[in-house]
Amino acid sequence: MINVDTIQIILGAWLRGEHLEDVKQIPVGEFGEYGGIASAIRAGEEDPIRIARKANVPIVEIARMRDAVYENLYQSAMRQVIERNRVDWIRKHPDADPEDLIRVIEDSRRAWMVEAEKPMELSDIMLEYFNELDNRKNQRTLLTGIDALDEMTGGICPGTLTAVGARPSTGKSAFCLQVAVRVASAGAKVLFFSLEMSDAQNMDRLMLMHAHGFSQKELRSGNLRPEQWDAIRDAAKRIEELNGNLAFMQTRSLSAIEELIRKELPDLVVIDQLTQLQEPTMSFSDVRSRFSYMTSNLKRISMEQNTAIWLACQLNRAVNGAAKPSMDNLKESGSIEEDSDNVILLSRDEEEEEARNMQGNRVINVQLEKQRSGETGEFQLQFFVQRFGFKALDEIPPSGFQ
């Protein structure tokens, strides 16, 4: 019998009226306790309440299955079922005639063959291109607010996946948050999936970015003087201006993230970070295959939904002691490098920090290691550790500068 997760994904699609051409491919008996639902759908029933009554299943169960289906998982689930049925047939017929064996294999393969698209005429492609050029005139440009990066990239492009890699405590979360706030402040919609920090921790960082007169330690303790409370209230007013444009979420499921993107239609999505992403209905043989699944689907989502996705990633320990990291230092780097349109690497320059007497702040090397449609390059920023903010380094002269 099919496992429960696969059954619910397939039935969820059928309950929504999708892929009904497949309803006769799987025998009702394969659905176990949900066989009544499959039988009602095969009989042509469409109303969920009547399906629930006929199948003797609570209506809330029907509603849950309808809401939980995602297209990419449906295709995977159906392939698993057909592949399993083919293997079962071969096991039950070890002495089958070779022609029958070939027929079974070909039938299961044809069931999932994708009809090839007819090649587009070059003139049609050119017409679409002219329309695209015309649309670009009215397209809002999203800027990171980091001048050197915006100059290299032209801003944040919709339909792209950007990987931001760094070792822990280098500032990649603060870097991504600053970009998210800048984009939201310009009136664009941003979904920030903060998978390693709570809402209170994110609010701490926003407060420190927008106000002065108190430290991170004081915020954490809650022991604040009256004038510090005044500063926090003033900062809160500025942060509230982002309401409706910036939303924090802790959802780890990639399918749930995809559904939220479809519903909310954000201009920018930030995911912090790759190691925390999950897909509860999928099993992976190792970390590399899990990362590959995540990055390839994030790239697909960015293109289908025409949204920009920024994905925070870890650099492996091999980067310690190295002058500058490379894309090879991205943890399980193959799929990240391949699927990303842009790769930004952050690293500390401790020698420069010492030379400039940074007083606890840091010098961060920013390397645009990959840009699918443009130049690469690097520059440096000052990272204000206590403020979780970045500024151009050239505003801070080296020690001894006359």
Protein backbone atom coordinates (compact mmCIF):
# COMPACT_ATOMS: atom_id res chain seq x y z
CA MET A 1 0.00 0.00 0.00
CA ILE A 2 1.12 3.58 -0.65
CA ASN A 3 2.51 5.49 2.35
CA VAL A 4 0.13 7.98 4.00
CA ASP A 5 2.04 11.15 3.00
CA THR A 6 1.98 10.15 -0.68
CA ILE A 7 -1.73 9.25 -0.50
CA GLN A 8 -2.64 12.63 1.01
CA ILE A 9 -0.63 14.59 -1.56
CA ILE A 10 -2.31 12.76 -4.46
CA LEU A 11 -5.82 12.91 -3.02
CA GLY A 12 -5.33 16.57 -2.09
CA ALA A 13 -4.71 17.42 -5.74
CA TRP A 14 -7.73 15.44 -6.91
CA LEU A 15 -9.94 17.04 -4.27
CA ARG A 16 -9.00 20.42 -5.70
CA GLY A 17 -9.96 19.24 -9.18
CA GLU A 18 -6.36 18.94 -10.39
CA HIS A 19 -4.83 16.03 -12.36
CA LEU A 20 -8.15 14.19 -12.56
CA GLU A 21 -6.84 12.46 -15.66
CA ASP A 22 -4.79 10.29 -13.27
CA VAL A 23 -7.64 9.03 -11.05
CA LYS A 24 -7.90 5.65 -12.79
CA GLN A 25 -4.17 4.96 -12.78
CA ILE A 26 -4.14 3.79 -9.16
CA PRO A 27 -6.51 1.05 -7.86
CA VAL A 28 -8.80 2.19 -5.04
CA GLY A 29 -7.41 -0.54 -2.79
CA GLU A 30 -4.00 1.15 -2.84
CA PHE A 31 -5.40 4.06 -0.80
CA GLY A 32 -6.12 1.98 2.31
CA GLU A 33 -8.31 3.86 4.82
CA TYR A 34 -8.69 6.69 2.28
CA GLY A 35 -10.09 4.35 -0.38
CA GLY A 36 -13.58 5.81 0.07
CA ILE A 37 -12.30 9.25 -0.95
CA ALA A 38 -10.59 7.84 -4.05
CA SER A 39 -13.73 5.85 -4.93
CA ALA A 40 -15.99 8.92 -4.65
CA ILE A 41 -13.66 10.98 -6.83
CA ARG A 42 -13.47 8.20 -9.44
CA ALA A 43 -17.27 8.15 -9.49
CA GLY A 44 -17.24 11.81 -10.49
CA GLU A 45 -18.12 13.37 -7.13
CA GLU A 46 -16.75 16.93 -6.76
CA ASP A 47 -18.45 18.38 -3.69
CA PRO A 48 -16.11 17.94 -0.66
CA ILE A 49 -18.98 17.60 1.82
CA ARG A 50 -20.60 14.78 -0.16
CA ILE A 51 -17.19 13.13 -0.61
CA ALA A 52 -16.65 13.27 3.15
CA ARG A 53 -20.07 11.69 3.80
CA LYS A 54 -19.61 8.92 1.23
CA ALA A 55 -16.12 8.12 2.49
CA ASN A 56 -17.14 8.46 6.16
CA VAL A 57 -14.24 10.85 6.71
CA PRO A 58 -14.41 14.09 8.77
CA ILE A 59 -14.79 17.14 6.55
CA VAL A 60 -11.81 18.76 8.31
CA GLU A 61 -9.65 15.90 7.01
CA ILE A 62 -10.84 16.62 3.47
CA ALA A 63 -10.12 20.35 3.93
CA ARG A 64 -6.64 19.65 5.29
CA MET A 65 -5.71 17.48 2.32
CA ARG A 66 -7.05 20.07 -0.13
CA ASP A 67 -4.90 22.79 1.43
CA ALA A 68 -1.71 20.75 1.81
CA VAL A 69 -1.05 19.78 -1.81
CA TYR A 70 1.75 21.36 -3.83
CA GLU A 71 2.39 20.78 -7.51
CA ASN A 72 6.03 19.75 -7.28
CA LEU A 73 5.20 17.17 -4.58
CA TYR A 74 2.28 15.74 -6.57
CA GLN A 75 4.48 14.94 -9.53
CA SER A 76 7.02 13.27 -7.25
CA ALA A 77 4.34 11.28 -5.43
CA MET A 78 2.78 9.95 -8.65
CA ARG A 79 6.18 8.94 -9.98
CA GLN A 80 6.86 7.02 -6.76
CA VAL A 81 3.55 5.16 -7.03
CA ILE A 82 4.01 4.19 -10.67
CA GLU A 83 7.64 3.19 -10.10
CA ARG A 84 6.64 1.07 -7.09
CA ASN A 85 3.85 -0.65 -9.04
CA ARG A 86 6.27 -1.43 -11.85
CA VAL A 87 8.80 -2.95 -9.44
CA ASP A 88 6.03 -4.98 -7.73
CA TRP A 89 4.88 -6.37 -11.10
CA ILE A 90 8.41 -7.43 -12.02
CA ARG A 91 8.88 -9.14 -8.63
CA LYS A 92 5.60 -11.04 -9.00
CA HIS A 93 6.46 -12.15 -12.54
CA PRO A 94 10.12 -13.27 -12.39
CA ASP A 95 9.62 -15.53 -15.41
CA ALA A 96 7.71 -13.00 -17.49
CA ASP A 97 8.13 -13.00 -21.23
CA PRO A 98 10.69 -10.33 -22.24
CA GLU A 99 8.12 -8.65 -24.47
CA ASP A 100 5.67 -8.33 -21.54
CA LEU A 101 8.46 -6.95 -19.35
CA ILE A 102 9.35 -4.34 -21.96
CA ARG A 103 5.67 -3.42 -22.35
CA VAL A 104 5.24 -2.82 -18.59
CA ILE A 105 8.37 -0.68 -18.44
CA GLU A 106 7.35 1.34 -21.49
CA ASP A 107 3.78 1.85 -20.21
CA SER A 108 5.02 3.24 -16.90
CA ARG A 109 7.55 5.43 -18.66
CA ARG A 110 4.96 6.81 -21.09
CA ALA A 111 2.66 7.64 -18.18
CA TRP A 112 5.09 10.37 -17.19
CA MET A 113 6.59 11.38 -20.50
CA VAL A 114 6.30 15.14 -20.93
CA GLU A 115 5.08 16.20 -24.31
CA ALA A 116 7.84 18.14 -26.01
CA GLU A 117 7.14 21.78 -26.60
CA LYS A 118 7.07 23.01 -30.15
CA PRO A 119 10.10 25.23 -30.80
CA MET A 120 9.25 28.93 -30.88
CA GLU A 121 9.96 30.89 -34.00
CA LEU A 122 12.76 33.41 -33.59
CA SER A 123 10.40 36.18 -34.66
CA ASP A 124 8.05 35.26 -31.77
CA ILE A 125 10.95 35.28 -29.31
CA MET A 126 11.99 38.68 -30.60
CA LEU A 127 8.46 40.04 -30.12
CA GLU A 128 8.42 38.81 -26.52
CA TYR A 129 11.83 40.38 -26.01
CA PHE A 130 10.59 43.78 -27.21
CA ASN A 131 7.66 43.48 -24.81
CA GLU A 132 10.11 42.67 -22.03
CA LEU A 133 12.20 45.75 -22.87
CA ASP A 134 9.07 47.88 -22.81
CA ASN A 135 8.01 46.44 -19.45
CA ARG A 136 11.41 47.19 -17.93
CA LYS A 137 10.77 50.91 -18.29
CA ASN A 138 7.97 50.68 -15.74
CA GLN A 139 9.63 48.10 -13.51
CA ARG A 140 10.54 49.32 -10.05
CA THR A 141 14.24 48.94 -9.30
CA LEU A 142 14.94 47.43 -5.88
CA LEU A 143 18.20 48.66 -4.38
CA THR A 144 20.12 47.05 -1.53
CA GLY A 145 21.22 50.45 -0.23
CA ILE A 146 24.85 49.28 -0.44
CA ASP A 147 26.13 51.56 -3.19
CA ALA A 148 29.06 49.43 -4.35
CA LEU A 149 26.87 46.34 -4.66
CA ASP A 150 24.06 48.21 -6.44
CA GLU A 151 26.58 49.66 -8.88
CA MET A 152 27.82 46.17 -9.79
CA THR A 153 24.40 44.50 -10.03
CA GLY A 154 22.05 47.32 -10.96
CA GLY A 155 19.97 46.40 -7.93
CA ILE A 156 17.91 43.34 -7.05
CA CYS A 157 16.42 41.63 -10.09
CA PRO A 158 13.13 39.70 -9.92
CA GLY A 159 13.27 36.03 -10.84
CA THR A 160 16.76 35.52 -9.43
CA LEU A 161 18.30 33.47 -6.62
CA THR A 162 21.15 35.08 -4.65
CA ALA A 163 23.26 33.08 -2.21
CA VAL A 164 24.97 34.97 0.63
CA GLY A 165 27.71 32.87 2.19
CA ALA A 166 29.75 33.46 5.34
CA ARG A 167 31.14 31.75 8.41
CA PRO A 168 29.06 32.02 11.63
CA SER A 169 29.21 35.41 13.40
CA THR A 170 30.52 37.20 10.31
CA GLY A 171 27.31 39.20 9.90
CA LYS A 172 25.42 37.50 7.06
CA SER A 173 22.08 37.61 8.92
CA ALA A 174 22.58 41.30 9.73
CA PHE A 175 23.64 41.93 6.11
CA CYS A 176 20.48 40.27 4.75
CA LEU A 177 18.30 42.05 7.31
CA GLN A 178 19.72 45.44 6.38
CA VAL A 179 18.96 44.77 2.71
CA ALA A 180 15.44 43.59 3.60
CA VAL A 181 14.77 46.76 5.63
CA ARG A 182 16.12 48.97 2.83
CA VAL A 183 13.89 47.29 0.24
CA ALA A 184 10.82 47.44 2.52
CA SER A 185 11.52 51.11 3.31
CA ALA A 186 11.30 51.83 -0.42
CA GLY A 187 7.74 50.48 -0.45
CA ALA A 188 8.39 46.96 -1.72
CA LYS A 189 7.06 43.81 -0.03
CA VAL A 190 9.56 41.56 1.76
CA LEU A 191 9.09 38.16 3.42
CA PHE A 192 11.95 37.39 5.83
CA PHE A 193 12.10 33.73 6.88
CA SER A 194 14.19 33.88 10.05
CA LEU A 195 14.80 30.21 10.80
CA GLU A 196 17.39 30.66 13.54
CA MET A 197 15.99 33.59 15.53
CA SER A 198 12.73 34.42 17.27
CA ASP A 199 10.56 37.46 16.56
CA ALA A 200 11.88 39.09 19.74
CA GLN A 201 15.49 38.64 18.58
CA ASN A 202 14.66 40.13 15.18
CA MET A 203 12.99 43.07 16.91
CA ASP A 204 16.13 43.56 19.05
CA ARG A 205 18.14 43.92 15.87
CA LEU A 206 15.67 46.32 14.29
CA MET A 207 15.75 48.47 17.43
CA LEU A 208 19.54 48.57 17.43
CA MET A 209 19.54 49.48 13.73
CA HIS A 210 17.09 52.35 14.22
CA ALA A 211 18.06 53.89 17.56
CA HIS A 212 21.04 54.78 19.75
CA GLY A 213 21.55 55.29 23.46
CA PHE A 214 21.33 51.66 24.56
CA SER A 215 23.30 48.47 23.99
CA GLN A 216 22.38 44.95 22.93
CA LYS A 217 23.17 43.78 26.46
CA GLU A 218 20.79 46.34 27.98
CA LEU A 219 18.01 45.33 25.61
CA ARG A 220 18.43 41.68 26.54
CA SER A 221 18.33 42.46 30.25
CA GLY A 222 15.32 44.78 30.00
CA ASN A 223 16.95 47.13 32.53
CA LEU A 224 16.46 50.41 30.67
CA ARG A 225 16.52 53.99 31.86
CA PRO A 226 13.62 56.37 31.06
CA GLU A 227 15.57 58.13 28.30
CA GLN A 228 16.36 54.75 26.74
CA TRP A 229 12.66 53.89 26.71
CA ASP A 230 12.07 57.19 24.91
CA ALA A 231 14.62 56.19 22.27
CA ILE A 232 12.94 52.80 21.86
CA ARG A 233 9.51 54.37 21.42
CA ASP A 234 10.89 56.71 18.75
CA ALA A 235 12.51 53.76 16.98
CA ALA A 236 9.25 51.80 17.21
CA LYS A 237 7.45 54.54 15.29
CA ARG A 238 9.98 54.30 12.46
CA ILE A 239 9.84 50.51 12.44
CA GLU A 240 6.01 50.58 12.31
CA GLU A 241 6.29 52.44 9.00
CA LEU A 242 7.46 49.10 7.55
CA ASN A 243 4.17 47.45 8.55
CA GLY A 244 2.68 45.69 5.54
CA ASN A 245 6.01 45.73 3.70
CA LEU A 246 8.21 43.60 5.99
CA ALA A 247 7.02 40.35 7.59
CA PHE A 248 9.01 37.86 9.68
CA MET A 249 8.20 34.15 9.62
CA GLN A 250 9.75 30.99 11.10
CA THR A 251 8.33 28.50 8.57
CA ARG A 252 10.96 25.85 7.69
CA SER A 253 9.01 23.78 5.15
CA LEU A 254 9.95 24.63 1.57
CA SER A 255 6.46 23.75 0.33
CA ALA A 256 4.90 26.08 2.91
CA ILE A 257 7.31 28.84 1.90
CA GLU A 258 6.36 28.35 -1.75
CA GLU A 259 2.66 28.57 -0.92
CA LEU A 260 3.20 31.77 1.07
CA ILE A 261 5.10 33.29 -1.84
CA ARG A 262 2.22 32.42 -4.18
CA LYS A 263 -0.32 34.03 -1.85
CA GLU A 264 1.65 37.10 -0.74
CA LEU A 265 3.45 37.91 -4.04
CA PRO A 266 6.50 39.52 -2.38
CA ASP A 267 9.13 41.49 -4.27
CA LEU A 268 11.92 40.01 -2.16
CA VAL A 269 12.19 36.82 -0.09
CA VAL A 270 15.04 36.33 2.39
CA ILE A 271 15.68 32.87 3.86
CA ASP A 272 18.08 32.66 6.81
CA GLN A 273 19.35 30.02 6.29
CA LEU A 274 19.74 27.00 3.96
CA THR A 275 20.77 24.49 6.66
CA GLN A 276 17.42 24.97 8.42
CA LEU A 277 15.19 24.35 5.38
CA GLN A 278 13.14 21.14 5.46
CA GLU A 279 10.67 19.21 3.34
CA PRO A 280 8.72 16.94 5.72
CA THR A 281 7.27 14.76 2.95
CA MET A 282 10.66 14.06 1.37
CA SER A 283 13.54 11.83 2.49
CA PHE A 284 17.11 12.52 1.41
CA SER A 285 20.11 10.21 1.39
CA ASP A 286 22.52 12.92 2.54
CA VAL A 287 22.96 16.65 3.12
CA ARG A 288 24.16 17.27 -0.42
CA SER A 289 20.99 15.84 -1.98
CA ARG A 290 18.82 17.85 0.46
CA PHE A 291 20.64 21.09 -0.36
CA SER A 292 20.41 20.33 -4.07
CA TYR A 293 16.64 19.81 -3.81
CA MET A 294 16.24 23.07 -1.89
CA THR A 295 18.33 25.29 -4.16
CA SER A 296 16.94 23.91 -7.44
CA ASN A 297 13.39 24.44 -6.21
CA LEU A 298 14.14 27.91 -4.85
CA LYS A 299 15.48 28.84 -8.28
CA ARG A 300 12.32 27.44 -9.88
CA ILE A 301 10.09 29.35 -7.45
CA SER A 302 11.93 32.61 -8.06
CA MET A 303 11.38 32.29 -11.81
CA GLU A 304 7.77 31.07 -11.66
CA GLN A 305 6.72 33.77 -9.18
CA ASN A 306 9.01 36.45 -10.63
CA THR A 307 10.40 37.28 -7.20
CA ALA A 308 13.95 37.75 -5.94
CA ILE A 309 15.12 35.23 -3.34
CA TRP A 310 18.13 35.78 -1.09
CA LEU A 311 19.41 32.63 0.64
CA ALA A 312 21.90 32.76 3.52
CA CYS A 313 24.40 29.87 3.42
CA GLN A 314 27.31 28.70 5.54
CA LEU A 315 30.94 28.55 4.46
CA ASN A 316 32.78 25.41 5.55
CA ARG A 317 35.58 25.40 8.10
CA ALA A 318 38.23 25.22 5.40
CA VAL A 319 37.89 28.99 4.94
CA ASN A 320 39.38 29.64 8.40
CA GLY A 321 42.80 31.17 8.03
CA ALA A 322 42.38 31.72 4.29
CA ALA A 323 42.86 35.23 2.89
CA LYS A 324 39.48 35.17 1.14
CA PRO A 325 36.86 32.49 0.60
CA SER A 326 35.76 31.15 -2.77
CA MET A 327 32.62 29.40 -4.00
CA ASP A 328 34.36 26.09 -3.23
CA ASN A 329 34.05 27.04 0.46
CA LEU A 330 30.23 27.05 0.32
CA LYS A 331 29.03 24.13 2.43
CA GLU A 332 27.97 21.39 -0.02
CA SER A 333 28.73 24.00 -2.67
CA GLY A 334 27.83 22.23 -5.93
CA SER A 335 24.10 22.95 -6.16
CA ILE A 336 24.37 26.38 -4.50
CA GLU A 337 26.87 27.58 -7.07
CA GLU A 338 24.99 26.00 -9.97
CA ASP A 339 21.47 27.18 -9.11
CA SER A 340 22.30 30.71 -7.88
CA ASP A 341 22.26 33.66 -10.25
CA ASN A 342 24.43 35.61 -7.82
CA VAL A 343 26.83 34.51 -5.10
CA ILE A 344 27.97 37.00 -2.44
CA LEU A 345 30.66 35.94 0.05
CA LEU A 346 31.37 37.79 3.29
CA SER A 347 34.58 37.45 5.33
CA ARG A 348 36.49 39.41 7.98
CA ASP A 349 39.71 41.29 7.25
CA GLU A 350 41.36 41.28 10.68
CA GLU A 351 44.59 42.93 9.43
CA GLU A 352 42.59 45.89 8.12
CA GLU A 353 40.68 46.08 11.39
CA GLU A 354 43.93 46.36 13.31
CA ALA A 355 45.35 48.95 10.90
CA ARG A 356 42.24 51.14 11.17
CA ASN A 357 41.71 50.77 14.94
CA MET A 358 38.07 49.77 14.51
CA GLN A 359 37.31 49.75 18.25
CA GLY A 360 35.39 46.48 18.23
CA ASN A 361 33.78 46.96 14.84
CA ARG A 362 34.79 44.84 11.87
CA VAL A 363 36.03 45.18 8.33
CA ILE A 364 34.05 42.86 6.06
CA ASN A 365 35.23 41.80 2.60
CA VAL A 366 32.24 41.60 0.26
CA GLN A 367 32.94 39.44 -2.79
CA LEU A 368 30.46 39.26 -5.64
CA GLU A 369 31.85 35.93 -6.79
CA LYS A 370 29.15 35.16 -9.36
CA GLN A 371 26.72 37.26 -11.33
CA ARG A 372 25.08 35.34 -14.12
CA SER A 373 24.37 38.45 -16.16
CA GLY A 374 27.15 40.84 -15.21
CA GLU A 375 30.52 41.60 -13.72
CA THR A 376 32.03 40.32 -10.50
CA GLY A 377 34.11 42.28 -8.03
CA GLU A 378 34.76 43.03 -4.39
CA PHE A 379 34.77 45.87 -1.88
CA GLN A 380 34.85 46.39 1.87
CA LEU A 381 32.28 47.50 4.43
CA GLN A 382 32.45 48.45 8.07
CA PHE A 383 30.23 46.24 10.25
CA PHE A 384 28.97 47.96 13.40
CA VAL A 385 28.64 44.89 15.59
CA GLN A 386 26.53 46.52 18.31
CA ARG A 387 24.22 48.16 15.74
CA PHE A 388 23.93 45.24 13.29
CA GLY A 389 24.58 47.68 10.46
CA PHE A 390 26.96 48.11 7.56
CA LYS A 391 28.48 51.29 6.10
CA ALA A 392 31.03 52.01 3.39
CA LEU A 393 34.55 51.57 4.74
CA ASP A 394 35.98 54.57 2.91
CA GLU A 395 34.26 56.80 5.45
CA ILE A 396 36.73 55.50 8.07
CA PRO A 397 40.36 56.49 7.25
CA PRO A 398 43.26 54.18 8.24
CA SER A 399 45.07 54.83 11.48
CA GLY A 400 47.66 57.62 11.12
CA PHE A 401 45.98 59.11 8.05
CA GLN A 402 46.92 62.80 7.54
